[in-house]
Protein backbone atom coordinates (compact mmCIF):
# COMPACT_ATOMS: atom_id res chain seq x y z
CA MET A 1 -7.14 -31.93 3.21
CA LYS A 2 -9.28 -29.22 1.62
CA LYS A 3 -10.53 -28.21 5.07
CA LEU A 4 -6.96 -27.91 6.32
CA ILE A 5 -5.94 -25.64 3.44
CA LEU A 6 -9.13 -23.60 3.80
CA SER A 7 -8.55 -23.25 7.56
CA ALA A 8 -4.96 -22.11 7.01
CA ALA A 9 -6.09 -19.56 4.41
CA ILE A 10 -8.69 -18.14 6.80
CA VAL A 11 -6.16 -17.91 9.65
CA PHE A 12 -3.56 -16.15 7.47
CA ALA A 13 -6.19 -13.77 6.08
CA SER A 14 -7.38 -12.85 9.57
CA LEU A 15 -3.81 -12.24 10.74
CA SER A 16 -3.05 -9.97 7.82
CA ILE A 17 -5.88 -7.66 8.86
CA TYR A 18 -3.95 -6.78 12.02
CA ALA A 19 -0.69 -6.32 10.14
CA THR A 20 -1.81 -3.11 8.45
CA THR A 21 -0.54 0.14 9.86
CA ASN A 22 -2.25 3.47 10.11
CA LEU A 23 -0.24 5.77 7.89
CA PRO A 24 -0.59 9.51 8.45
CA SER A 25 -2.95 11.18 6.07
CA VAL A 26 -1.92 13.81 3.57
CA GLU A 27 -3.37 16.47 5.87
CA ASP A 28 -1.05 15.37 8.69
CA LYS A 29 1.96 15.60 6.40
CA THR A 30 0.92 19.07 5.27
CA GLU A 31 0.63 20.23 8.87
CA VAL A 32 4.13 18.98 9.70
CA ALA A 33 5.53 20.65 6.60
CA ALA A 34 3.77 23.89 7.56
CA GLN A 35 5.28 23.76 11.04
CA GLN A 36 8.73 23.19 9.64
CA SER A 37 8.45 25.95 7.06
CA GLU A 38 7.52 28.53 9.70
CA TYR A 39 11.14 28.70 10.82
CA THR A 40 13.70 30.63 8.81
CA GLU A 41 17.40 29.97 9.18
CA ILE A 42 19.53 32.59 10.89
CA SER A 43 23.16 32.82 11.88
CA PRO A 44 23.96 31.19 15.24
CA ASP A 45 25.62 34.49 16.21
CA THR A 46 22.26 36.32 16.06
CA VAL A 47 20.64 34.10 18.71
CA PRO A 48 19.82 36.29 21.76
CA ALA A 49 22.10 36.10 24.78
CA THR A 50 19.21 34.90 26.98
CA VAL A 51 18.76 31.84 24.77
CA LYS A 52 22.50 31.16 24.67
CA THR A 53 22.70 31.46 28.48
CA ALA A 54 19.78 29.05 28.93
CA LEU A 55 21.41 26.63 26.48
CA GLU A 56 24.74 26.70 28.32
CA LYS A 57 22.95 26.20 31.63
CA ALA A 58 20.84 23.27 30.39
CA TYR A 59 23.49 21.70 28.14
CA PRO A 60 27.00 22.62 29.30
CA GLY A 61 29.44 22.63 26.39
CA ALA A 62 26.70 22.67 23.75
CA LYS A 63 27.50 24.20 20.37
CA ILE A 64 24.82 25.69 18.10
CA ASP A 65 25.20 24.11 14.65
CA LYS A 66 22.18 25.80 13.05
CA ALA A 67 19.60 28.26 14.32
CA TYR A 68 16.11 29.09 13.09
CA VAL A 69 13.50 31.63 14.19
CA ASN A 70 9.77 32.03 13.49
CA ASP A 71 7.37 34.98 13.59
CA LYS A 72 6.65 34.41 17.31
CA LYS A 73 10.37 34.83 18.12
CA GLU A 74 10.67 31.15 18.99
CA TYR A 75 14.02 29.58 18.24
CA LYS A 76 14.78 26.14 16.87
CA LEU A 77 18.38 25.19 17.61
CA ASP A 78 20.27 22.26 16.14
CA ILE A 79 22.93 21.63 18.76
CA SER A 80 25.77 19.22 19.36
CA VAL A 81 27.20 18.21 22.70
CA LYS A 82 30.36 16.17 22.29
CA ASP A 83 29.33 13.45 19.82
CA GLN A 84 25.54 13.77 20.30
CA LYS A 85 23.20 15.94 18.23
CA ALA A 86 19.77 17.25 19.17
CA THR A 87 17.17 19.84 18.26
CA VAL A 88 15.75 22.07 21.00
CA PHE A 89 13.16 24.84 20.95
CA SER A 90 13.22 28.03 23.01
CA ASP A 91 11.37 31.31 23.24
CA VAL A 92 13.15 34.66 23.18
CA ASN A 93 13.45 34.64 27.00
CA GLY A 94 15.30 31.31 27.11
CA ASN A 95 12.31 29.22 28.23
CA TRP A 96 12.29 25.71 26.71
CA LEU A 97 9.32 24.81 24.54
CA LYS A 98 7.79 21.38 24.05
CA ILE A 99 6.92 20.79 20.42
């Protein structure tokens, strides 16, 4: 009986090793926060026409809920299309960015 309990304990201990997850380090969190803080909120009306045209072409009927810009003139747009919401990124010329 002792061997059975010892065997079960060893099996459960070995399984718990694989149950741990790799959490992002503090440095990773700082980098994400730095990326997010680069953008400053602007009025959706101040978004350039080229970006608005590209948005309408890519997402017909999309409405800009919030707009942000960074020092590189890249735009972060919180948009809604019907009942769906999304965040898209664009440069000043209306080219979509992958972030």
